[in-house]
Amino acid sequence: MDNPVKIHFRCNPQGCIILSIQCPTCNEQQDLPIADLDSGIGFTCKCGEDFPIHAETLKPVARELDELHHLIQRTIELPI
């Protein structure tokens, strides 16, 4: 692929994981609904670039999310 599409992972202030797709043409970012990973997604960027992304292509994103979910499972004890 000449222009790989970057997927950014971040947390919003409420602690929810947000995924954004970065357009390789104009670098504009659009949020990616996590629920659509199993079915694939498609959208057109403001610059006109089409993104038909299939579920198979998104498997690395799903694996990364699994890893992130595993990493955030923590227990702490408070001295009350």
N, C-alpha and C. Protein backbone atom coordinates (compact mmCIF):
# COMPACT_ATOMS: atom_id res chain seq x y z
N MET A 1 0.86 -1.19 0.00
CA MET A 1 0.00 0.00 0.00
C MET A 1 0.89 1.23 0.00
N ASP A 2 0.65 2.15 -0.93
CA ASP A 2 1.46 3.35 -1.05
C ASP A 2 1.24 4.31 0.12
N ASN A 3 0.00 4.51 0.49
CA ASN A 3 -0.35 5.43 1.57
C ASN A 3 -1.06 4.65 2.67
N PRO A 4 -0.33 4.13 3.65
CA PRO A 4 -1.01 3.39 4.71
C PRO A 4 -1.91 4.30 5.53
N VAL A 5 -3.01 3.75 5.97
CA VAL A 5 -3.98 4.49 6.78
C VAL A 5 -3.62 4.27 8.24
N LYS A 6 -3.48 5.36 8.98
CA LYS A 6 -3.15 5.27 10.40
C LYS A 6 -4.43 5.28 11.22
N ILE A 7 -4.46 4.41 12.23
CA ILE A 7 -5.54 4.38 13.20
C ILE A 7 -4.96 4.83 14.53
N HIS A 8 -5.53 5.88 15.11
CA HIS A 8 -5.06 6.42 16.38
C HIS A 8 -5.96 5.94 17.51
N PHE A 9 -5.33 5.54 18.63
CA PHE A 9 -6.04 5.11 19.83
C PHE A 9 -5.84 6.19 20.90
N ARG A 10 -6.92 6.60 21.58
CA ARG A 10 -6.79 7.54 22.68
C ARG A 10 -7.98 7.35 23.63
N CYS A 11 -7.87 7.93 24.79
CA CYS A 11 -8.98 7.91 25.76
C CYS A 11 -9.58 9.30 25.85
N ASN A 12 -10.90 9.36 25.91
CA ASN A 12 -11.54 10.65 26.13
C ASN A 12 -11.57 10.93 27.63
N PRO A 13 -11.99 12.12 28.05
CA PRO A 13 -11.99 12.46 29.48
C PRO A 13 -12.84 11.51 30.34
N GLN A 14 -13.80 10.81 29.74
CA GLN A 14 -14.64 9.87 30.48
C GLN A 14 -13.99 8.49 30.58
N GLY A 15 -12.81 8.30 29.98
CA GLY A 15 -12.11 7.03 30.05
C GLY A 15 -12.47 6.05 28.95
N CYS A 16 -13.24 6.47 27.97
CA CYS A 16 -13.62 5.59 26.86
C CYS A 16 -12.55 5.63 25.77
N ILE A 17 -12.30 4.47 25.16
CA ILE A 17 -11.32 4.40 24.07
C ILE A 17 -11.95 4.96 22.80
N ILE A 18 -11.22 5.86 22.16
CA ILE A 18 -11.65 6.47 20.91
C ILE A 18 -10.65 6.06 19.82
N LEU A 19 -11.17 5.64 18.69
CA LEU A 19 -10.34 5.31 17.53
C LEU A 19 -10.59 6.37 16.46
N SER A 20 -9.53 6.81 15.81
CA SER A 20 -9.66 7.76 14.71
C SER A 20 -8.85 7.27 13.52
N ILE A 21 -9.43 7.41 12.35
CA ILE A 21 -8.73 7.09 11.10
C ILE A 21 -8.15 8.38 10.56
N GLN A 22 -6.86 8.33 10.21
CA GLN A 22 -6.21 9.51 9.63
C GLN A 22 -6.11 9.35 8.12
N CYS A 23 -6.65 10.30 7.41
CA CYS A 23 -6.60 10.28 5.95
C CYS A 23 -5.15 10.47 5.50
N PRO A 24 -4.62 9.57 4.65
CA PRO A 24 -3.24 9.72 4.19
C PRO A 24 -3.05 10.87 3.21
N THR A 25 -4.14 11.40 2.68
CA THR A 25 -4.04 12.49 1.72
C THR A 25 -3.98 13.85 2.41
N CYS A 26 -4.90 14.10 3.36
CA CYS A 26 -4.98 15.43 3.98
C CYS A 26 -4.72 15.40 5.48
N ASN A 27 -4.53 14.23 6.07
CA ASN A 27 -4.28 14.04 7.50
C ASN A 27 -5.47 14.36 8.40
N GLU A 28 -6.63 14.61 7.83
CA GLU A 28 -7.85 14.81 8.61
C GLU A 28 -8.18 13.51 9.33
N GLN A 29 -8.68 13.61 10.56
CA GLN A 29 -9.03 12.42 11.32
C GLN A 29 -10.54 12.33 11.49
N GLN A 30 -11.05 11.10 11.38
CA GLN A 30 -12.46 10.84 11.60
C GLN A 30 -12.58 9.69 12.58
N ASP A 31 -13.47 9.84 13.56
CA ASP A 31 -13.66 8.79 14.56
C ASP A 31 -14.20 7.53 13.92
N LEU A 32 -13.74 6.41 14.44
CA LEU A 32 -14.13 5.09 13.95
C LEU A 32 -14.94 4.41 15.04
N PRO A 33 -16.21 4.07 14.79
CA PRO A 33 -17.00 3.37 15.80
C PRO A 33 -16.44 1.97 16.05
N ILE A 34 -16.14 1.67 17.30
CA ILE A 34 -15.58 0.36 17.65
C ILE A 34 -16.55 -0.75 17.27
N ALA A 35 -17.83 -0.49 17.35
CA ALA A 35 -18.83 -1.52 17.02
C ALA A 35 -18.75 -1.96 15.57
N ASP A 36 -18.19 -1.14 14.69
CA ASP A 36 -18.12 -1.47 13.26
C ASP A 36 -16.91 -2.32 12.88
N LEU A 37 -16.03 -2.65 13.84
CA LEU A 37 -14.83 -3.41 13.51
C LEU A 37 -15.14 -4.77 12.92
N ASP A 38 -16.21 -5.42 13.38
CA ASP A 38 -16.55 -6.76 12.91
C ASP A 38 -17.15 -6.76 11.51
N SER A 39 -17.75 -5.65 11.12
CA SER A 39 -18.41 -5.60 9.82
C SER A 39 -17.67 -4.76 8.79
N GLY A 40 -16.69 -3.99 9.25
CA GLY A 40 -15.99 -3.08 8.35
C GLY A 40 -16.69 -1.73 8.33
N ILE A 41 -16.02 -0.76 7.74
CA ILE A 41 -16.57 0.59 7.70
C ILE A 41 -16.30 1.19 6.33
N GLY A 42 -16.92 2.28 6.10
CA GLY A 42 -16.65 3.03 4.88
C GLY A 42 -17.06 4.47 5.08
N PHE A 43 -16.25 5.37 4.61
CA PHE A 43 -16.61 6.78 4.65
C PHE A 43 -15.79 7.52 3.61
N THR A 44 -16.21 8.72 3.32
CA THR A 44 -15.50 9.60 2.40
C THR A 44 -15.00 10.80 3.19
N CYS A 45 -13.70 11.07 3.12
CA CYS A 45 -13.09 12.19 3.82
C CYS A 45 -13.55 13.49 3.16
N LYS A 46 -13.39 14.59 3.88
CA LYS A 46 -13.74 15.91 3.35
C LYS A 46 -12.97 16.23 2.07
N CYS A 47 -11.75 15.66 1.94
CA CYS A 47 -10.94 15.92 0.76
C CYS A 47 -11.37 15.09 -0.45
N GLY A 48 -12.32 14.16 -0.23
CA GLY A 48 -12.81 13.33 -1.33
C GLY A 48 -12.24 11.92 -1.36
N GLU A 49 -11.27 11.61 -0.49
CA GLU A 49 -10.67 10.27 -0.42
C GLU A 49 -11.69 9.28 0.11
N ASP A 50 -11.89 8.17 -0.61
CA ASP A 50 -12.81 7.11 -0.17
C ASP A 50 -12.08 6.10 0.69
N PHE A 51 -12.75 5.62 1.74
CA PHE A 51 -12.19 4.63 2.65
C PHE A 51 -13.13 3.45 2.79
N PRO A 52 -13.09 2.49 1.87
CA PRO A 52 -13.84 1.25 2.07
C PRO A 52 -12.93 0.26 2.82
N ILE A 53 -13.09 0.18 4.14
CA ILE A 53 -12.21 -0.67 4.94
C ILE A 53 -13.00 -1.90 5.37
N HIS A 54 -12.51 -3.07 4.98
CA HIS A 54 -13.18 -4.33 5.26
C HIS A 54 -12.82 -4.85 6.64
N ALA A 55 -13.68 -5.69 7.18
CA ALA A 55 -13.47 -6.24 8.52
C ALA A 55 -12.14 -6.97 8.61
N GLU A 56 -11.75 -7.68 7.58
CA GLU A 56 -10.48 -8.42 7.58
C GLU A 56 -9.29 -7.47 7.74
N THR A 57 -9.37 -6.31 7.12
CA THR A 57 -8.32 -5.30 7.22
C THR A 57 -8.20 -4.76 8.63
N LEU A 58 -9.32 -4.75 9.38
CA LEU A 58 -9.35 -4.17 10.71
C LEU A 58 -8.93 -5.15 11.82
N LYS A 59 -8.57 -6.38 11.47
CA LYS A 59 -8.17 -7.36 12.48
C LYS A 59 -7.01 -6.87 13.36
N PRO A 60 -5.99 -6.19 12.83
CA PRO A 60 -4.94 -5.68 13.72
C PRO A 60 -5.47 -4.66 14.74
N VAL A 61 -6.48 -3.90 14.36
CA VAL A 61 -7.08 -2.94 15.29
C VAL A 61 -7.80 -3.70 16.41
N ALA A 62 -8.53 -4.74 16.05
CA ALA A 62 -9.23 -5.54 17.05
C ALA A 62 -8.24 -6.20 18.01
N ARG A 63 -7.12 -6.70 17.48
CA ARG A 63 -6.09 -7.31 18.35
C ARG A 63 -5.50 -6.27 19.30
N GLU A 64 -5.25 -5.09 18.82
CA GLU A 64 -4.71 -4.02 19.67
C GLU A 64 -5.71 -3.64 20.76
N LEU A 65 -6.98 -3.58 20.41
CA LEU A 65 -8.00 -3.28 21.41
C LEU A 65 -8.07 -4.37 22.48
N ASP A 66 -7.94 -5.62 22.06
CA ASP A 66 -7.90 -6.73 23.04
C ASP A 66 -6.74 -6.55 24.00
N GLU A 67 -5.58 -6.16 23.48
CA GLU A 67 -4.41 -5.94 24.32
C GLU A 67 -4.64 -4.77 25.28
N LEU A 68 -5.21 -3.69 24.78
CA LEU A 68 -5.50 -2.53 25.63
C LEU A 68 -6.49 -2.89 26.74
N HIS A 69 -7.50 -3.67 26.41
CA HIS A 69 -8.47 -4.09 27.41
C HIS A 69 -7.78 -4.92 28.49
N HIS A 70 -6.87 -5.77 28.07
CA HIS A 70 -6.12 -6.59 29.03
C HIS A 70 -5.25 -5.71 29.93
N LEU A 71 -4.62 -4.71 29.36
CA LEU A 71 -3.72 -3.85 30.13
C LEU A 71 -4.44 -2.97 31.15
N ILE A 72 -5.68 -2.60 30.87
CA ILE A 72 -6.37 -1.70 31.79
C ILE A 72 -7.13 -2.44 32.89
N GLN A 73 -7.04 -3.74 32.93
CA GLN A 73 -7.67 -4.49 34.02
C GLN A 73 -6.70 -4.51 35.19
N ARG A 74 -6.92 -3.64 36.12
CA ARG A 74 -6.05 -3.48 37.28
C ARG A 74 -6.90 -3.45 38.54
N THR A 75 -6.28 -3.78 39.65
CA THR A 75 -6.91 -3.70 40.97
C THR A 75 -5.99 -2.94 41.89
N ILE A 76 -6.53 -2.00 42.62
CA ILE A 76 -5.75 -1.29 43.62
C ILE A 76 -6.47 -1.43 44.96
N GLU A 77 -5.73 -1.28 46.02
CA GLU A 77 -6.32 -1.32 47.36
C GLU A 77 -6.14 0.04 48.01
N LEU A 78 -7.20 0.49 48.63
CA LEU A 78 -7.16 1.79 49.32
C LEU A 78 -7.15 1.56 50.83
N PRO A 79 -6.31 2.26 51.55
CA PRO A 79 -6.28 2.11 53.01
C PRO A 79 -7.41 2.94 53.63
N ILE A 80 -8.55 2.31 53.82
CA ILE A 80 -9.72 3.02 54.37
C ILE A 80 -9.84 2.69 55.86
